[in-house]
Every structure is written in C-alpha cells, then in structure tokens.
Amino acid sequence: MSSKRMRAFQALAAILAVALAAPAAAQQAAQATAGQKPAAAKPKVVILATGGTIAGAQPKPGDVGYKAGAYPVSALIQAVPGLETIAQISGEQIASIGSQDMTDAVWIKLARRVNEVLADPAVAGVVITHGTDTMEETGYFLNLVTKSDKPVVLVGSMRPATSLQTFDSPNRGPAGFVLFGKPRWFSTPSWKHTTGSEFAGKIPDTLPRVDIVYAYANVGAEQVQALTAAGAKGLVLAGVGDGNGTQALIDALSAASKKGVVVVRSSRTNSGAVARNVELDDDKLGFVAAQELNPQKARVLLQLALTKTSDCARVQKMFEEY
C-alpha cells in the first residue's frame, strides 16, 4: 500500500477522533457527575467501502497505472496501525469499483445501508471509502437521503502525490476548521439537509434518468434530441457563463421542456450561481435555475426531485432549499 493511501487513512483516524470525541467526553463527564466510574468504551464506527484509488494497487512498484478497488476493506483497516485505539472499527464491502463507474444502483444500496447502520444506537458514525472522481456526487446524494444527525465521513485518496488542494468550496468557503483537536464551525447552514430533507430515509428502488447537456461554441440540438429519445426525464444544462448556450441548444431544451422533460440550467464554470430569469427568461422557456449547484450536483437533486414531482415550480423550490 502506498504511503499516500496510508496518510489518507491516518488523516481519517484524526477525523474520527475529532468527530466522535465530543460525545464520548460528554458521556464520561455525566457519569463522573453522577458518581459513576467513567466508561472507557470507544465509539463504534462502521466503514462502508466502495473501492476507488484509496483501495487501489499498482501492478508493480514504479508503475504509473493502478487498479482501483483492489484491496478489500479488511486490508485497509489492517494497514492503519493504532486505529483500534481510537474506535471500535468494523468494515463492510458495498462495492469494489473506481468511482467513475458509480451507478444509481450502488448509490441506493449504499444509502440504504448507511441509514440502517446509523439507526443502531450503538453506532457513533460511518466512514465511506470512495474514489475521488464522483465523490462529491455521492456525498450530495447521501446528504439528501440520510436520516440521521450522526457524522458520515467520505474519504478518498489522490494520485499522484503532487495533486494537492484538490477539493475546494469556491462559493461558500470552509465550513469551519479544527483547532487544538476541537472543531469550530463558522456558521450554521441555512439550507436543508440530512434529517431536514424531504428525501431523508426514503430511498427509492430506482432513480429517474437525468442527463447532462454540455454547452460549447457552435453546439446544436443533437444532444437534446438524442437524450430525450433515449428516455431522459430530466436534463441539466452545463451552460457557458450564467447557464447559457447557443440559440439552437436553448430552443431544443425549451421544446423538450414543453414535452414534459424537466430542464435545469447550471454552469460549467467553477463557481458562481445561476439565478432564475437572469440572462435567460426561465418563466417563458420553462426552465429551472440551479442556483449554486454545479451540473453534477444539480443532476443528483433533479433525480430525487423527479421521484416526487415533475412540476417546474416545485422543483425550483427544491433547488432554492437544498
């Protein structure tokens, strides 16, 4: 196992210590106040593994390529010395794939297991090992459907080791930081998530087909025509600038909307928000504005939204809340 993956799991151990130490300390303090001997029990943490680079293996030392998801979760746990001193760790293998191959079926299986595990009062939190290619999409999906306020941590590994500062939050910035072993939050989120979501704990058997249409110079209507013919129930525009595209593309999307396909405007740029009726007349065209969700996250929310409604006004409200 590479030193990079080893460092990722050592960081994971630190995350667990921060996320779970506070409840344990509070419990011990309460027992001490009651005159009882403080309990020495460590928090119970379940690792749900899906594969990814963090579980990858090189064919031989020095090779650039590797096979994602080669190591089982048991091998990853054994590779982290001292992990048992932090928490009671158990692992389950949900999938063994590179996250570029993540599917709706794996999402549904993973989400159902997360909810089952967290419903156990003895479990303090869940860690999910995951490839970095689609980690943000899985994380957002779980954020909407997990019915628990216990911590759920997704962890992955980047190669090569020179790929630093890969993850960022350009619109909102950091949620907080850790100082002297204690988490400090900058603010309480104003949007609904986890237990506040109308999707929480309600995992469907299947998800509606939603595809992403990419805008670029001189793009025509062919993407929209092909995807609607293939049965897409929703389309997300990865638009230029403020969620825009060529006239041919916008006309095709508007025609699809009039036929019942829910169309969401997002942007292919790295930051910023797509506001309703800015640059394009969403009311006239029958579109939904993605707000600050990028195309891949907008697709996740639209899939879940379509399990409830295909009314654009209701879908727009969801995009403003989540």
Protein backbone atom coordinates (compact mmCIF):
# COMPACT_ATOMS: atom_id res chain seq x y z
CA MET A 1 0.00 0.00 0.00
CA SER A 2 1.37 3.42 -0.96
CA SER A 3 2.42 5.98 1.63
CA LYS A 4 -0.15 8.33 0.10
CA ARG A 5 -3.01 5.97 0.92
CA MET A 6 -1.52 5.34 4.36
CA ARG A 7 -1.55 9.09 5.03
CA ALA A 8 -5.15 9.26 3.87
CA PHE A 9 -6.19 6.68 6.45
CA GLN A 10 -4.13 8.33 9.18
CA ALA A 11 -6.00 11.54 8.37
CA LEU A 12 -9.19 9.52 8.58
CA ALA A 13 -8.25 8.40 12.08
CA ALA A 14 -7.77 12.02 13.07
CA ILE A 15 -11.16 12.94 11.61
CA LEU A 16 -12.80 10.20 13.62
CA ALA A 17 -11.12 11.38 16.79
CA VAL A 18 -12.41 14.92 16.25
CA ALA A 19 -15.90 13.94 15.12
CA LEU A 20 -16.56 11.41 17.84
CA ALA A 21 -14.54 12.52 20.88
CA ALA A 22 -17.03 15.18 21.97
CA PRO A 23 -19.99 12.82 22.55
CA ALA A 24 -17.76 10.35 24.42
CA ALA A 25 -16.31 13.09 26.60
CA ALA A 26 -19.78 14.39 27.41
CA GLN A 27 -20.92 10.92 28.42
CA GLN A 28 -17.91 10.42 30.69
CA ALA A 29 -18.45 13.82 32.30
CA ALA A 30 -22.09 12.99 33.04
CA GLN A 31 -21.12 9.67 34.59
CA ALA A 32 -18.47 11.34 36.72
CA THR A 33 -21.03 13.87 37.97
CA ALA A 34 -23.35 11.02 38.92
CA GLY A 35 -20.58 9.41 40.93
CA GLN A 36 -20.02 6.60 38.44
CA LYS A 37 -16.69 5.46 37.11
CA PRO A 38 -16.24 6.95 33.62
CA ALA A 39 -16.74 4.41 30.88
CA ALA A 40 -13.72 3.52 28.77
CA ALA A 41 -15.72 2.28 25.80
CA LYS A 42 -14.56 3.59 22.45
CA PRO A 43 -17.08 4.83 19.87
CA LYS A 44 -18.28 2.24 17.36
CA VAL A 45 -17.57 3.22 13.76
CA VAL A 46 -18.58 1.30 10.63
CA ILE A 47 -16.54 1.67 7.44
CA LEU A 48 -18.51 1.10 4.24
CA ALA A 49 -16.11 0.56 1.35
CA THR A 50 -16.88 1.22 -2.31
CA GLY A 51 -13.39 0.89 -3.84
CA GLY A 52 -11.61 3.80 -5.51
CA THR A 53 -7.98 4.85 -5.60
CA ILE A 54 -7.75 4.62 -1.82
CA ALA A 55 -8.18 0.85 -2.25
CA GLY A 56 -6.10 0.69 -5.43
CA ALA A 57 -2.98 -1.35 -6.15
CA GLN A 58 -0.12 -0.88 -8.62
CA PRO A 59 0.81 -3.88 -10.81
CA LYS A 60 4.40 -3.41 -9.62
CA PRO A 61 6.40 -0.66 -7.84
CA GLY A 62 7.11 2.31 -10.09
CA ASP A 63 4.22 1.71 -12.49
CA VAL A 64 2.06 4.76 -13.16
CA GLY A 65 -1.21 2.87 -13.57
CA TYR A 66 -3.15 1.04 -10.88
CA LYS A 67 -6.34 -0.96 -10.40
CA ALA A 68 -8.94 0.85 -8.31
CA GLY A 69 -10.75 -1.08 -5.60
CA ALA A 70 -8.18 -3.90 -5.47
CA TYR A 71 -7.90 -4.04 -1.67
CA PRO A 72 -10.84 -5.22 0.47
CA VAL A 73 -11.92 -3.09 3.42
CA SER A 74 -10.34 -5.56 5.86
CA ALA A 75 -6.91 -4.92 4.32
CA LEU A 76 -7.37 -1.15 4.57
CA ILE A 77 -8.28 -1.39 8.26
CA GLN A 78 -5.29 -3.61 8.99
CA ALA A 79 -2.98 -1.16 7.20
CA VAL A 80 -3.57 1.61 9.75
CA PRO A 81 -1.58 0.92 12.94
CA GLY A 82 -3.31 2.04 16.13
CA LEU A 83 -6.74 2.55 14.58
CA GLU A 84 -8.23 0.30 17.24
CA THR A 85 -7.09 2.71 19.95
CA ILE A 86 -9.43 5.40 18.57
CA ALA A 87 -12.64 3.50 17.90
CA GLN A 88 -14.26 0.09 17.57
CA ILE A 89 -13.92 -0.41 13.83
CA SER A 90 -15.83 -2.79 11.58
CA GLY A 91 -15.99 -2.81 7.80
CA GLU A 92 -18.36 -3.84 5.03
CA GLN A 93 -17.71 -4.04 1.29
CA ILE A 94 -20.52 -2.28 -0.57
CA ALA A 95 -18.74 -2.23 -3.95
CA SER A 96 -15.23 -2.56 -5.40
CA ILE A 97 -15.18 -0.08 -8.27
CA GLY A 98 -13.46 3.03 -9.49
CA SER A 99 -15.86 5.87 -8.78
CA GLN A 100 -16.08 6.72 -12.48
CA ASP A 101 -18.24 3.57 -12.60
CA MET A 102 -20.55 4.65 -9.77
CA THR A 103 -24.18 3.83 -10.58
CA ASP A 104 -27.64 4.61 -9.24
CA ALA A 105 -27.86 1.01 -8.01
CA VAL A 106 -24.73 1.37 -5.88
CA TRP A 107 -25.97 4.72 -4.55
CA ILE A 108 -29.24 3.14 -3.48
CA LYS A 109 -27.50 0.15 -1.87
CA LEU A 110 -25.04 2.42 -0.06
CA ALA A 111 -27.69 4.88 1.14
CA ARG A 112 -29.91 2.15 2.49
CA ARG A 113 -27.01 0.59 4.37
CA VAL A 114 -25.94 3.98 5.78
CA ASN A 115 -29.43 4.54 7.18
CA GLU A 116 -29.58 1.00 8.58
CA VAL A 117 -26.20 1.31 10.28
CA LEU A 118 -26.86 4.76 11.75
CA ALA A 119 -30.21 3.60 13.14
CA ASP A 120 -28.26 1.37 15.54
CA PRO A 121 -27.89 3.35 18.82
CA ALA A 122 -24.51 1.70 19.40
CA VAL A 123 -23.03 3.16 16.20
CA ALA A 124 -21.45 6.59 16.55
CA GLY A 125 -20.72 7.28 12.89
CA VAL A 126 -20.00 5.95 9.41
CA VAL A 127 -16.95 6.32 7.19
CA ILE A 128 -17.24 5.68 3.45
CA THR A 129 -14.14 4.97 1.37
CA HIS A 130 -14.71 6.24 -2.15
CA GLY A 131 -12.96 7.21 -5.34
CA THR A 132 -12.49 10.94 -5.84
CA ASP A 133 -13.90 11.13 -9.38
CA THR A 134 -17.54 11.21 -8.28
CA MET A 135 -17.18 11.62 -4.51
CA GLU A 136 -18.97 14.98 -4.49
CA GLU A 137 -21.98 13.44 -6.23
CA THR A 138 -22.22 10.53 -3.81
CA GLY A 139 -21.70 12.88 -0.88
CA TYR A 140 -24.50 15.17 -2.07
CA PHE A 141 -26.86 12.25 -2.67
CA LEU A 142 -26.22 10.92 0.84
CA ASN A 143 -26.64 14.40 2.27
CA LEU A 144 -30.18 14.45 0.89
CA VAL A 145 -31.29 10.92 1.80
CA THR A 146 -29.52 10.13 5.10
CA LYS A 147 -31.95 10.27 8.02
CA SER A 148 -29.53 10.79 10.90
CA ASP A 149 -27.56 13.56 12.56
CA LYS A 150 -24.60 11.25 13.23
CA PRO A 151 -21.37 12.00 11.34
CA VAL A 152 -20.87 10.47 7.89
CA VAL A 153 -17.34 10.97 6.53
CA LEU A 154 -16.34 10.26 2.93
CA VAL A 155 -12.62 9.71 2.43
CA GLY A 156 -10.55 9.12 -0.69
CA SER A 157 -7.01 9.31 -2.00
CA MET A 158 -5.42 11.28 -4.84
CA ARG A 159 -2.60 10.17 -7.12
CA PRO A 160 -0.07 11.33 -7.90
CA ALA A 161 1.02 12.81 -4.58
CA THR A 162 1.60 16.18 -6.31
CA SER A 163 -2.22 16.63 -6.73
CA LEU A 164 -2.65 18.79 -3.58
CA GLN A 165 -5.57 21.06 -2.57
CA THR A 166 -7.86 19.20 -4.95
CA PHE A 167 -11.12 19.80 -3.09
CA ASP A 168 -12.42 23.30 -2.61
CA SER A 169 -15.61 25.19 -1.78
CA PRO A 170 -15.47 28.23 -4.09
CA ASN A 171 -18.95 29.55 -3.34
CA ARG A 172 -19.26 29.16 0.44
CA GLY A 173 -15.68 28.72 1.59
CA PRO A 174 -14.73 26.46 4.51
CA ALA A 175 -17.50 25.29 6.83
CA GLY A 176 -15.08 25.51 9.75
CA PHE A 177 -11.70 24.35 10.97
CA VAL A 178 -10.07 22.21 13.62
CA LEU A 179 -8.01 23.97 16.27
CA PHE A 180 -6.20 22.09 19.04
CA GLY A 181 -8.25 18.99 18.36
CA LYS A 182 -11.63 20.74 18.51
CA PRO A 183 -13.91 21.51 15.54
CA ARG A 184 -15.03 25.13 15.20
CA TRP A 185 -17.89 25.96 12.81
CA PHE A 186 -18.09 29.32 11.09
CA SER A 187 -21.88 29.29 10.82
CA THR A 188 -24.92 27.07 10.94
CA PRO A 189 -26.02 26.01 7.44
CA SER A 190 -29.17 27.78 6.30
CA TRP A 191 -30.16 25.15 3.75
CA LYS A 192 -32.00 21.93 4.45
CA HIS A 193 -30.03 18.71 4.53
CA THR A 194 -29.94 15.26 6.09
CA THR A 195 -32.85 14.93 8.52
CA GLY A 196 -34.44 18.16 7.24
CA SER A 197 -34.65 16.86 3.67
CA GLU A 198 -37.95 15.54 2.34
CA PHE A 199 -35.94 12.69 0.80
CA ALA A 200 -34.33 11.61 4.08
CA GLY A 201 -34.80 7.92 4.76
CA LYS A 202 -36.95 7.47 1.66
CA ILE A 203 -34.64 5.60 -0.68
CA PRO A 204 -36.38 4.73 -3.98
CA ASP A 205 -35.85 1.41 -5.73
CA THR A 206 -34.74 3.21 -8.89
CA LEU A 207 -33.92 6.77 -9.90
CA PRO A 208 -35.27 8.56 -12.99
CA ARG A 209 -32.91 9.07 -15.89
CA VAL A 210 -31.37 12.53 -15.87
CA ASP A 211 -28.59 13.52 -18.27
CA ILE A 212 -26.22 16.48 -18.55
CA VAL A 213 -26.07 18.51 -21.78
CA TYR A 214 -22.79 20.34 -22.36
CA ALA A 215 -22.67 23.81 -23.93
CA TYR A 216 -19.81 24.86 -26.19
CA ALA A 217 -19.22 27.04 -29.24
CA ASN A 218 -21.48 26.16 -32.20
CA VAL A 219 -23.26 23.35 -30.32
CA GLY A 220 -26.51 22.22 -31.93
CA ALA A 221 -29.64 20.41 -30.81
CA GLU A 222 -28.35 16.86 -31.29
CA GLN A 223 -27.54 16.13 -27.64
CA VAL A 224 -31.01 17.08 -26.50
CA GLN A 225 -32.71 15.17 -29.28
CA ALA A 226 -30.71 12.00 -28.63
CA LEU A 227 -31.16 12.05 -24.87
CA THR A 228 -34.89 12.72 -24.94
CA ALA A 229 -35.27 9.92 -27.49
CA ALA A 230 -33.35 7.65 -25.09
CA GLY A 231 -35.90 8.35 -22.36
CA ALA A 232 -34.40 11.14 -20.26
CA LYS A 233 -36.95 12.51 -17.78
CA GLY A 234 -34.73 15.45 -16.90
CA LEU A 235 -31.86 17.38 -18.47
CA VAL A 236 -29.26 19.58 -16.81
CA LEU A 237 -27.55 22.21 -18.92
CA ALA A 238 -23.86 22.62 -18.19
CA GLY A 239 -24.03 26.06 -19.70
CA VAL A 240 -21.48 28.72 -20.51
CA GLY A 241 -21.35 31.76 -18.25
CA ASP A 242 -24.61 32.15 -16.35
CA GLY A 243 -26.12 28.87 -17.61
CA ASN A 244 -26.47 29.91 -21.25
CA GLY A 245 -25.93 28.20 -24.60
CA THR A 246 -26.34 28.65 -28.33
CA GLN A 247 -29.80 29.56 -29.59
CA ALA A 248 -30.11 26.12 -31.19
CA LEU A 249 -29.40 24.41 -27.86
CA ILE A 250 -31.73 26.63 -25.86
CA ASP A 251 -34.53 26.15 -28.40
CA ALA A 252 -34.10 22.38 -28.21
CA LEU A 253 -34.17 22.41 -24.41
CA SER A 254 -37.29 24.59 -24.39
CA ALA A 255 -39.00 22.20 -26.79
CA ALA A 256 -38.09 19.29 -24.50
CA SER A 257 -39.49 21.17 -21.52
CA LYS A 258 -42.80 21.67 -23.31
CA LYS A 259 -42.95 17.88 -23.78
CA GLY A 260 -42.59 17.26 -20.04
CA VAL A 261 -38.82 16.92 -19.64
CA VAL A 262 -37.66 18.97 -16.63
CA VAL A 263 -34.75 21.21 -17.67
CA VAL A 264 -32.35 22.72 -15.13
CA ARG A 265 -29.86 25.45 -16.05
CA SER A 266 -26.45 25.19 -14.41
CA SER A 267 -22.99 26.39 -15.42
CA ARG A 268 -19.79 24.67 -16.48
CA THR A 269 -17.72 27.39 -14.75
CA ASN A 270 -16.03 26.60 -11.46
CA SER A 271 -18.00 28.97 -9.22
CA GLY A 272 -20.90 31.34 -9.04
CA ALA A 273 -24.66 30.81 -9.10
CA VAL A 274 -27.24 30.56 -11.87
CA ALA A 275 -30.15 32.73 -10.72
CA ARG A 276 -33.66 32.48 -12.08
CA ASN A 277 -34.59 34.73 -15.02
CA VAL A 278 -31.08 36.18 -15.28
CA GLU A 279 -29.70 36.16 -18.84
CA LEU A 280 -32.48 33.80 -19.93
CA ASP A 281 -36.24 34.03 -19.31
CA ASP A 282 -36.80 30.84 -17.33
CA ASP A 283 -40.50 31.56 -16.92
CA LYS A 284 -41.02 31.72 -20.67
CA LEU A 285 -38.70 28.83 -21.52
CA GLY A 286 -39.96 26.53 -18.77
CA PHE A 287 -36.55 26.07 -17.10
CA VAL A 288 -35.37 25.64 -13.52
CA ALA A 289 -32.33 27.62 -12.27
CA ALA A 290 -29.75 25.52 -10.43
CA GLN A 291 -28.67 28.34 -8.10
CA GLU A 292 -25.17 27.43 -6.83
CA LEU A 293 -25.28 23.72 -7.67
CA ASN A 294 -22.83 22.63 -10.36
CA PRO A 295 -24.16 20.37 -13.15
CA GLN A 296 -23.27 17.08 -11.49
CA LYS A 297 -24.89 18.02 -8.19
CA ALA A 298 -27.88 19.52 -9.99
CA ARG A 299 -28.34 16.15 -11.69
CA VAL A 300 -28.42 14.37 -8.32
CA LEU A 301 -31.06 16.71 -6.89
CA LEU A 302 -33.14 16.54 -10.07
CA GLN A 303 -33.13 12.74 -9.95
CA LEU A 304 -34.52 12.81 -6.43
CA ALA A 305 -36.91 15.67 -7.20
CA LEU A 306 -38.42 13.70 -10.07
CA THR A 307 -39.36 10.91 -7.65
CA LYS A 308 -41.72 13.48 -6.10
CA THR A 309 -42.86 15.77 -8.91
CA SER A 310 -42.27 17.00 -12.44
CA ASP A 311 -43.77 20.41 -11.74
CA CYS A 312 -41.11 23.02 -12.51
CA ALA A 313 -42.28 25.40 -9.77
CA ARG A 314 -41.94 22.71 -7.10
CA VAL A 315 -38.59 21.59 -8.48
CA GLN A 316 -37.36 25.21 -8.44
CA LYS A 317 -38.32 25.46 -4.77
CA MET A 318 -36.20 22.38 -4.03
CA PHE A 319 -33.22 23.94 -5.77
CA GLU A 320 -33.61 27.02 -3.59
CA GLU A 321 -33.81 24.94 -0.39
CA TYR A 322 -31.13 22.31 -0.99
